[in-house]
PDB file of all heavy atoms in Angstrom:
ATOM      1  N   SER A   1      62.788 -30.339 135.430  1.00  0.00           N
ATOM      2  CA  SER A   1      63.536 -30.633 134.203  1.00  0.00           C
ATOM      3  C   SER A   1      64.447 -31.835 134.392  1.00  0.00           C
ATOM      4  O   SER A   1      64.566 -32.682 133.490  1.00  0.00           O
ATOM      5  CB  SER A   1      64.355 -29.406 133.791  1.00  0.00           C
ATOM      6  OG  SER A   1      63.517 -28.309 133.509  1.00  0.00           O
ATOM      7  N   ALA A   2      65.068 -31.931 135.578  1.00  0.00           N
ATOM      8  CA  ALA A   2      65.941 -33.073 135.845  1.00  0.00           C
ATOM      9  C   ALA A   2      65.146 -34.372 135.894  1.00  0.00           C
ATOM     10  O   ALA A   2      65.593 -35.405 135.370  1.00  0.00           O
ATOM     11  CB  ALA A   2      66.690 -32.854 137.165  1.00  0.00           C
ATOM     12  N   ILE A   3      63.960 -34.319 136.501  1.00  0.00           N
ATOM     13  CA  ILE A   3      63.106 -35.516 136.560  1.00  0.00           C
ATOM     14  C   ILE A   3      62.647 -35.913 135.160  1.00  0.00           C
ATOM     15  O   ILE A   3      62.662 -37.101 134.798  1.00  0.00           O
ATOM     16  CB  ILE A   3      61.897 -35.258 137.478  1.00  0.00           C
ATOM     17  CG1 ILE A   3      62.366 -35.088 138.927  1.00  0.00           C
ATOM     18  CG2 ILE A   3      60.892 -36.398 137.384  1.00  0.00           C
ATOM     19  CD1 ILE A   3      61.263 -34.692 139.888  1.00  0.00           C
ATOM     20  N   GLU A   4      62.236 -34.909 134.378  1.00  0.00           N
ATOM     21  CA  GLU A   4      61.817 -35.197 132.992  1.00  0.00           C
ATOM     22  C   GLU A   4      62.962 -35.795 132.195  1.00  0.00           C
ATOM     23  O   GLU A   4      62.760 -36.734 131.408  1.00  0.00           O
ATOM     24  CB  GLU A   4      61.311 -33.922 132.333  1.00  0.00           C
ATOM     25  CG  GLU A   4      59.980 -33.424 132.877  1.00  0.00           C
ATOM     26  CD  GLU A   4      59.546 -32.135 132.219  1.00  0.00           C
ATOM     27  OE1 GLU A   4      60.390 -31.527 131.512  1.00  0.00           O
ATOM     28  OE2 GLU A   4      58.382 -31.725 132.398  1.00  0.00           O
ATOM     29  N   LEU A   5      64.177 -35.262 132.382  1.00  0.00           N
ATOM     30  CA  LEU A   5      65.341 -35.786 131.673  1.00  0.00           C
ATOM     31  C   LEU A   5      65.633 -37.224 132.108  1.00  0.00           C
ATOM     32  O   LEU A   5      65.967 -38.077 131.283  1.00  0.00           O
ATOM     33  CB  LEU A   5      66.545 -34.889 131.944  1.00  0.00           C
ATOM     34  CG  LEU A   5      67.841 -35.243 131.210  1.00  0.00           C
ATOM     35  CD1 LEU A   5      67.647 -35.119 129.702  1.00  0.00           C
ATOM     36  CD2 LEU A   5      68.983 -34.336 131.665  1.00  0.00           C
ATOM     37  N   PHE A   6      65.478 -37.497 133.411  1.00  0.00           N
ATOM     38  CA  PHE A   6      65.726 -38.849 133.919  1.00  0.00           C
ATOM     39  C   PHE A   6      64.738 -39.841 133.319  1.00  0.00           C
ATOM     40  O   PHE A   6      65.133 -40.914 132.839  1.00  0.00           O
ATOM     41  CB  PHE A   6      65.627 -38.845 135.445  1.00  0.00           C
ATOM     42  CG  PHE A   6      65.713 -40.213 136.060  1.00  0.00           C
ATOM     43  CD1 PHE A   6      66.918 -40.881 136.134  1.00  0.00           C
ATOM     44  CD2 PHE A   6      64.566 -40.844 136.559  1.00  0.00           C
ATOM     45  CE1 PHE A   6      66.992 -42.155 136.701  1.00  0.00           C
ATOM     46  CE2 PHE A   6      64.638 -42.101 137.123  1.00  0.00           C
ATOM     47  CZ  PHE A   6      65.851 -42.768 137.191  1.00  0.00           C
ATOM     48  N   PHE A   7      63.450 -39.488 133.340  1.00  0.00           N
ATOM     49  CA  PHE A   7      62.442 -40.392 132.774  1.00  0.00           C
ATOM     50  C   PHE A   7      62.596 -40.530 131.260  1.00  0.00           C
ATOM     51  O   PHE A   7      62.310 -41.592 130.702  1.00  0.00           O
ATOM     52  CB  PHE A   7      61.043 -39.905 133.133  1.00  0.00           C
ATOM     53  CG  PHE A   7      60.608 -40.291 134.516  1.00  0.00           C
ATOM     54  CD1 PHE A   7      60.568 -39.352 135.543  1.00  0.00           C
ATOM     55  CD2 PHE A   7      60.245 -41.594 134.818  1.00  0.00           C
ATOM     56  CE1 PHE A   7      60.178 -39.710 136.823  1.00  0.00           C
ATOM     57  CE2 PHE A   7      59.849 -41.964 136.093  1.00  0.00           C
ATOM     58  CZ  PHE A   7      59.825 -41.024 137.099  1.00  0.00           C
ATOM     59  N   HIS A   8      63.026 -39.464 130.623  1.00  0.00           N
ATOM     60  CA  HIS A   8      63.288 -39.565 129.181  1.00  0.00           C
ATOM     61  C   HIS A   8      64.425 -40.545 128.917  1.00  0.00           C
ATOM     62  O   HIS A   8      64.364 -41.348 127.971  1.00  0.00           O
ATOM     63  CB  HIS A   8      63.642 -38.182 128.629  1.00  0.00           C
ATOM     64  CG  HIS A   8      64.002 -38.187 127.175  1.00  0.00           C
ATOM     65  ND1 HIS A   8      63.063 -38.346 126.180  1.00  0.00           N
ATOM     66  CD2 HIS A   8      65.205 -38.067 126.547  1.00  0.00           C
ATOM     67  CE1 HIS A   8      63.653 -38.312 125.004  1.00  0.00           C
ATOM     68  NE2 HIS A   8      64.959 -38.157 125.196  1.00  0.00           N
ATOM     69  N   TRP A   9      65.458 -40.498 129.773  1.00  0.00           N
ATOM     70  CA  TRP A   9      66.565 -41.435 129.625  1.00  0.00           C
ATOM     71  C   TRP A   9      66.104 -42.862 129.891  1.00  0.00           C
ATOM     72  O   TRP A   9      66.482 -43.791 129.164  1.00  0.00           O
ATOM     73  CB  TRP A   9      67.680 -41.043 130.600  1.00  0.00           C
ATOM     74  CG  TRP A   9      68.869 -41.943 130.541  1.00  0.00           C
ATOM     75  CD1 TRP A   9      69.886 -41.923 129.636  1.00  0.00           C
ATOM     76  CD2 TRP A   9      69.152 -43.014 131.444  1.00  0.00           C
ATOM     77  NE1 TRP A   9      70.796 -42.909 129.908  1.00  0.00           N
ATOM     78  CE2 TRP A   9      70.378 -43.610 131.021  1.00  0.00           C
ATOM     79  CE3 TRP A   9      68.517 -43.530 132.569  1.00  0.00           C
ATOM     80  CZ2 TRP A   9      70.955 -44.676 131.673  1.00  0.00           C
ATOM     81  CZ3 TRP A   9      69.100 -44.603 133.232  1.00  0.00           C
ATOM     82  CH2 TRP A   9      70.301 -45.169 132.796  1.00  0.00           C
ATOM     83  N   ILE A  10      65.274 -43.055 130.939  1.00  0.00           N
ATOM     84  CA  ILE A  10      64.742 -44.393 131.246  1.00  0.00           C
ATOM     85  C   ILE A  10      63.901 -44.908 130.077  1.00  0.00           C
ATOM     86  O   ILE A  10      64.008 -46.074 129.671  1.00  0.00           O
ATOM     87  CB  ILE A  10      63.897 -44.350 132.537  1.00  0.00           C
ATOM     88  CG1 ILE A  10      64.792 -44.065 133.757  1.00  0.00           C
ATOM     89  CG2 ILE A  10      63.134 -45.662 132.734  1.00  0.00           C
ATOM     90  CD1 ILE A  10      65.765 -45.173 134.073  1.00  0.00           C
ATOM     91  N   LEU A  11      63.034 -44.046 129.546  1.00  0.00           N
ATOM     92  CA  LEU A  11      62.185 -44.446 128.424  1.00  0.00           C
ATOM     93  C   LEU A  11      63.020 -44.821 127.207  1.00  0.00           C
ATOM     94  O   LEU A  11      62.729 -45.809 126.511  1.00  0.00           O
ATOM     95  CB  LEU A  11      61.220 -43.310 128.087  1.00  0.00           C
ATOM     96  CG  LEU A  11      60.210 -43.582 126.959  1.00  0.00           C
ATOM     97  CD1 LEU A  11      59.308 -44.759 127.325  1.00  0.00           C
ATOM     98  CD2 LEU A  11      59.369 -42.346 126.677  1.00  0.00           C
ATOM     99  N   THR A  12      64.075 -44.044 126.954  1.00  0.00           N
ATOM    100  CA  THR A  12      64.955 -44.352 125.823  1.00  0.00           C
ATOM    101  C   THR A  12      65.625 -45.706 126.016  1.00  0.00           C
ATOM    102  O   THR A  12      65.723 -46.508 125.071  1.00  0.00           O
ATOM    103  CB  THR A  12      66.021 -43.252 125.677  1.00  0.00           C
ATOM    104  OG1 THR A  12      65.382 -41.978 125.516  1.00  0.00           O
ATOM    105  CG2 THR A  12      66.910 -43.517 124.474  1.00  0.00           C
ATOM    106  N   CYS A  13      66.065 -45.982 127.239  1.00  0.00           N
ATOM    107  CA  CYS A  13      66.698 -47.283 127.528  1.00  0.00           C
ATOM    108  C   CYS A  13      65.709 -48.441 127.361  1.00  0.00           C
ATOM    109  O   CYS A  13      66.054 -49.495 126.819  1.00  0.00           O
ATOM    110  CB  CYS A  13      67.274 -47.282 128.939  1.00  0.00           C
ATOM    111  SG  CYS A  13      68.684 -46.182 129.158  1.00  0.00           S
ATOM    112  N   LEU A  14      64.463 -48.221 127.818  1.00  0.00           N
ATOM    113  CA  LEU A  14      63.458 -49.272 127.689  1.00  0.00           C
ATOM    114  C   LEU A  14      63.129 -49.555 126.228  1.00  0.00           C
ATOM    115  O   LEU A  14      62.970 -50.711 125.821  1.00  0.00           O
ATOM    116  CB  LEU A  14      62.189 -48.875 128.457  1.00  0.00           C
ATOM    117  CG  LEU A  14      62.302 -48.869 129.987  1.00  0.00           C
ATOM    118  CD1 LEU A  14      61.015 -48.347 130.607  1.00  0.00           C
ATOM    119  CD2 LEU A  14      62.611 -50.273 130.515  1.00  0.00           C
ATOM    120  N   ILE A  15      63.013 -48.481 125.453  1.00  0.00           N
ATOM    121  CA  ILE A  15      62.743 -48.675 124.026  1.00  0.00           C
ATOM    122  C   ILE A  15      63.891 -49.413 123.366  1.00  0.00           C
ATOM    123  O   ILE A  15      63.689 -50.324 122.541  1.00  0.00           O
ATOM    124  CB  ILE A  15      62.496 -47.307 123.351  1.00  0.00           C
ATOM    125  CG1 ILE A  15      61.198 -46.683 123.879  1.00  0.00           C
ATOM    126  CG2 ILE A  15      62.439 -47.454 121.836  1.00  0.00           C
ATOM    127  CD1 ILE A  15      60.941 -45.273 123.364  1.00  0.00           C
ATOM    128  N   TRP A  16      65.139 -49.024 123.733  1.00  0.00           N
ATOM    129  CA  TRP A  16      66.301 -49.703 123.163  1.00  0.00           C
ATOM    130  C   TRP A  16      66.310 -51.172 123.576  1.00  0.00           C
ATOM    131  O   TRP A  16      66.572 -52.059 122.757  1.00  0.00           O
ATOM    132  CB  TRP A  16      67.566 -49.002 123.649  1.00  0.00           C
ATOM    133  CG  TRP A  16      68.831 -49.674 123.188  1.00  0.00           C
ATOM    134  CD1 TRP A  16      69.447 -49.548 121.985  1.00  0.00           C
ATOM    135  CD2 TRP A  16      69.619 -50.605 123.950  1.00  0.00           C
ATOM    136  NE1 TRP A  16      70.570 -50.324 121.934  1.00  0.00           N
ATOM    137  CE2 TRP A  16      70.704 -50.991 123.129  1.00  0.00           C
ATOM    138  CE3 TRP A  16      69.501 -51.136 125.235  1.00  0.00           C
ATOM    139  CZ2 TRP A  16      71.678 -51.881 123.561  1.00  0.00           C
ATOM    140  CZ3 TRP A  16      70.474 -52.025 125.670  1.00  0.00           C
ATOM    141  CH2 TRP A  16      71.543 -52.390 124.841  1.00  0.00           C
ATOM    142  N   LEU A  17      66.010 -51.447 124.857  1.00  0.00           N
ATOM    143  CA  LEU A  17      65.998 -52.826 125.345  1.00  0.00           C
ATOM    144  C   LEU A  17      64.902 -53.639 124.661  1.00  0.00           C
ATOM    145  O   LEU A  17      65.101 -54.812 124.303  1.00  0.00           O
ATOM    146  CB  LEU A  17      65.793 -52.833 126.859  1.00  0.00           C
ATOM    147  CG  LEU A  17      65.852 -54.194 127.560  1.00  0.00           C
ATOM    148  CD1 LEU A  17      67.223 -54.830 127.360  1.00  0.00           C
ATOM    149  CD2 LEU A  17      65.548 -54.049 129.043  1.00  0.00           C
ATOM    150  N   LYS A  18      63.738 -52.997 124.459  1.00  0.00           N
ATOM    151  CA  LYS A  18      62.647 -53.684 123.785  1.00  0.00           C
ATOM    152  C   LYS A  18      63.035 -54.054 122.361  1.00  0.00           C
ATOM    153  O   LYS A  18      62.768 -55.179 121.892  1.00  0.00           O
ATOM    154  CB  LYS A  18      61.408 -52.790 123.779  1.00  0.00           C
ATOM    155  CG  LYS A  18      60.234 -53.372 123.009  1.00  0.00           C
ATOM    156  CD  LYS A  18      59.093 -52.369 122.910  1.00  0.00           C
ATOM    157  CE  LYS A  18      57.974 -52.914 122.023  1.00  0.00           C
ATOM    158  NZ  LYS A  18      56.884 -51.908 121.843  1.00  0.00           N
ATOM    159  N   ASN A  19      63.673 -53.127 121.660  1.00  0.00           N
ATOM    160  CA  ASN A  19      64.093 -53.398 120.286  1.00  0.00           C
ATOM    161  C   ASN A  19      65.134 -54.507 120.228  1.00  0.00           C
ATOM    162  O   ASN A  19      65.110 -55.366 119.336  1.00  0.00           O
ATOM    163  CB  ASN A  19      64.654 -52.122 119.646  1.00  0.00           C
ATOM    164  CG  ASN A  19      63.588 -51.066 119.435  1.00  0.00           C
ATOM    165  OD1 ASN A  19      62.403 -51.377 119.300  1.00  0.00           O
ATOM    166  ND2 ASN A  19      63.987 -49.805 119.392  1.00  0.00           N
ATOM    167  N   VAL A  20      66.050 -54.507 121.208  1.00  0.00           N
ATOM    168  CA  VAL A  20      67.080 -55.545 121.236  1.00  0.00           C
ATOM    169  C   VAL A  20      66.449 -56.915 121.491  1.00  0.00           C
ATOM    170  O   VAL A  20      66.771 -57.909 120.836  1.00  0.00           O
ATOM    171  CB  VAL A  20      68.131 -55.216 122.320  1.00  0.00           C
ATOM    172  CG1 VAL A  20      69.057 -56.413 122.547  1.00  0.00           C
ATOM    173  CG2 VAL A  20      68.933 -54.001 121.920  1.00  0.00           C
ATOM    174  N   MET A  21      65.516 -56.950 122.449  1.00  0.00           N
ATOM    175  CA  MET A  21      64.861 -58.221 122.767  1.00  0.00           C
ATOM    176  C   MET A  21      64.009 -58.704 121.603  1.00  0.00           C
ATOM    177  O   MET A  21      63.994 -59.904 121.285  1.00  0.00           O
ATOM    178  CB  MET A  21      64.003 -58.062 124.016  1.00  0.00           C
ATOM    179  CG  MET A  21      64.806 -57.829 125.290  1.00  0.00           C
ATOM    180  SD  MET A  21      63.758 -57.661 126.735  1.00  0.00           S
ATOM    181  CE  MET A  21      63.024 -59.299 126.805  1.00  0.00           C
ATOM    182  N   ALA A  22      63.288 -57.786 120.967  1.00  0.00           N
ATOM    183  CA  ALA A  22      62.459 -58.179 119.822  1.00  0.00           C
ATOM    184  C   ALA A  22      63.321 -58.717 118.698  1.00  0.00           C
ATOM    185  O   ALA A  22      62.981 -59.723 118.054  1.00  0.00           O
ATOM    186  CB  ALA A  22      61.639 -56.980 119.350  1.00  0.00           C
ATOM    187  N   PHE A  23      64.473 -58.058 118.480  1.00  0.00           N
ATOM    188  CA  PHE A  23      65.380 -58.522 117.430  1.00  0.00           C
ATOM    189  C   PHE A  23      65.941 -59.902 117.782  1.00  0.00           C
ATOM    190  O   PHE A  23      66.064 -60.769 116.918  1.00  0.00           O
ATOM    191  CB  PHE A  23      66.512 -57.509 117.253  1.00  0.00           C
ATOM    192  CG  PHE A  23      67.548 -57.926 116.262  1.00  0.00           C
ATOM    193  CD1 PHE A  23      67.316 -57.812 114.895  1.00  0.00           C
ATOM    194  CD2 PHE A  23      68.767 -58.446 116.696  1.00  0.00           C
ATOM    195  CE1 PHE A  23      68.276 -58.214 113.987  1.00  0.00           C
ATOM    196  CE2 PHE A  23      69.720 -58.838 115.782  1.00  0.00           C
ATOM    197  CZ  PHE A  23      69.480 -58.728 114.425  1.00  0.00           C
ATOM    198  N   SER A  24      66.276 -60.097 119.074  1.00  0.00           N
ATOM    199  CA  SER A  24      66.848 -61.382 119.498  1.00  0.00           C
ATOM    200  C   SER A  24      65.827 -62.506 119.358  1.00  0.00           C
ATOM    201  O   SER A  24      66.160 -63.600 118.872  1.00  0.00           O
ATOM    202  CB  SER A  24      67.315 -61.284 120.954  1.00  0.00           C
ATOM    203  OG  SER A  24      68.276 -60.260 121.095  1.00  0.00           O
ATOM    204  N   VAL A  25      64.579 -62.258 119.795  1.00  0.00           N
ATOM    205  CA  VAL A  25      63.538 -63.282 119.688  1.00  0.00           C
ATOM    206  C   VAL A  25      63.264 -63.620 118.231  1.00  0.00           C
ATOM    207  O   VAL A  25      63.116 -64.794 117.854  1.00  0.00           O
ATOM    208  CB  VAL A  25      62.246 -62.802 120.388  1.00  0.00           C
ATOM    209  CG1 VAL A  25      61.090 -63.749 120.101  1.00  0.00           C
ATOM    210  CG2 VAL A  25      62.475 -62.677 121.889  1.00  0.00           C
ATOM    211  N   LYS A  26      63.208 -62.582 117.398  1.00  0.00           N
ATOM    212  CA  LYS A  26      62.955 -62.810 115.972  1.00  0.00           C
ATOM    213  C   LYS A  26      64.081 -63.621 115.351  1.00  0.00           C
ATOM    214  O   LYS A  26      63.852 -64.529 114.537  1.00  0.00           O
ATOM    215  CB  LYS A  26      62.813 -61.461 115.257  1.00  0.00           C
ATOM    216  CG  LYS A  26      62.460 -61.579 113.786  1.00  0.00           C
ATOM    217  CD  LYS A  26      62.288 -60.197 113.161  1.00  0.00           C
ATOM    218  CE  LYS A  26      61.946 -60.318 111.683  1.00  0.00           C
ATOM    219  NZ  LYS A  26      61.811 -58.971 111.053  1.00  0.00           N
ATOM    220  N   THR A  27      65.319 -63.308 115.771  1.00  0.00           N
ATOM    221  CA  THR A  27      66.468 -64.044 115.240  1.00  0.00           C
ATOM    222  C   THR A  27      66.431 -65.501 115.696  1.00  0.00           C
ATOM    223  O   THR A  27      66.705 -66.420 114.909  1.00  0.00           O
ATOM    224  CB  THR A  27      67.772 -63.379 115.716  1.00  0.00           C
ATOM    225  OG1 THR A  27      67.771 -62.008 115.324  1.00  0.00           O
ATOM    226  CG2 THR A  27      68.982 -64.086 115.132  1.00  0.00           C
ATOM    227  N   LEU A  28      66.066 -65.746 116.973  1.00  0.00           N
ATOM    228  CA  LEU A  28      65.983 -67.114 117.486  1.00  0.00           C
ATOM    229  C   LEU A  28      64.899 -67.907 116.769  1.00  0.00           C
ATOM    230  O   LEU A  28      65.061 -69.091 116.466  1.00  0.00           O
ATOM    231  CB  LEU A  28      65.719 -67.087 118.988  1.00  0.00           C
ATOM    232  CG  LEU A  28      66.877 -66.594 119.873  1.00  0.00           C
ATOM    233  CD1 LEU A  28      66.428 -66.497 121.323  1.00  0.00           C
ATOM    234  CD2 LEU A  28      68.071 -67.533 119.740  1.00  0.00           C
ATOM    235  N   ILE A  29      63.743 -67.267 116.504  1.00  0.00           N
ATOM    236  CA  ILE A  29      62.662 -67.959 115.792  1.00  0.00           C
ATOM    237  C   ILE A  29      63.113 -68.350 114.396  1.00  0.00           C
ATOM    238  O   ILE A  29      62.849 -69.467 113.918  1.00  0.00           O
ATOM    239  CB  ILE A  29      61.412 -67.063 115.740  1.00  0.00           C
ATOM    240  CG1 ILE A  29      60.834 -66.896 117.159  1.00  0.00           C
ATOM    241  CG2 ILE A  29      60.371 -67.644 114.790  1.00  0.00           C
ATOM    242  CD1 ILE A  29      59.668 -65.930 117.218  1.00  0.00           C
ATOM    243  N   GLN A  30      63.831 -67.423 113.727  1.00  0.00           N
ATOM    244  CA  GLN A  30      64.306 -67.728 112.377  1.00  0.00           C
ATOM    245  C   GLN A  30      65.324 -68.863 112.409  1.00  0.00           C
ATOM    246  O   GLN A  30      65.300 -69.757 111.555  1.00  0.00           O
ATOM    247  CB  GLN A  30      64.923 -66.480 111.762  1.00  0.00           C
ATOM    248  CG  GLN A  30      63.903 -65.394 111.424  1.00  0.00           C
ATOM    249  CD  GLN A  30      64.571 -64.138 110.877  1.00  0.00           C
ATOM    250  OE1 GLN A  30      65.780 -63.991 110.952  1.00  0.00           O
ATOM    251  NE2 GLN A  30      63.761 -63.256 110.318  1.00  0.00           N
TER     252      GLN A  30
END
């Protein structure tokens, strides 16, 4: 359960980072 929680936290951070980067790139292109 602790490992699953850790990977869930990592996945959540990666998704958040991906969204931030996608938003930043889109903003720079505009």
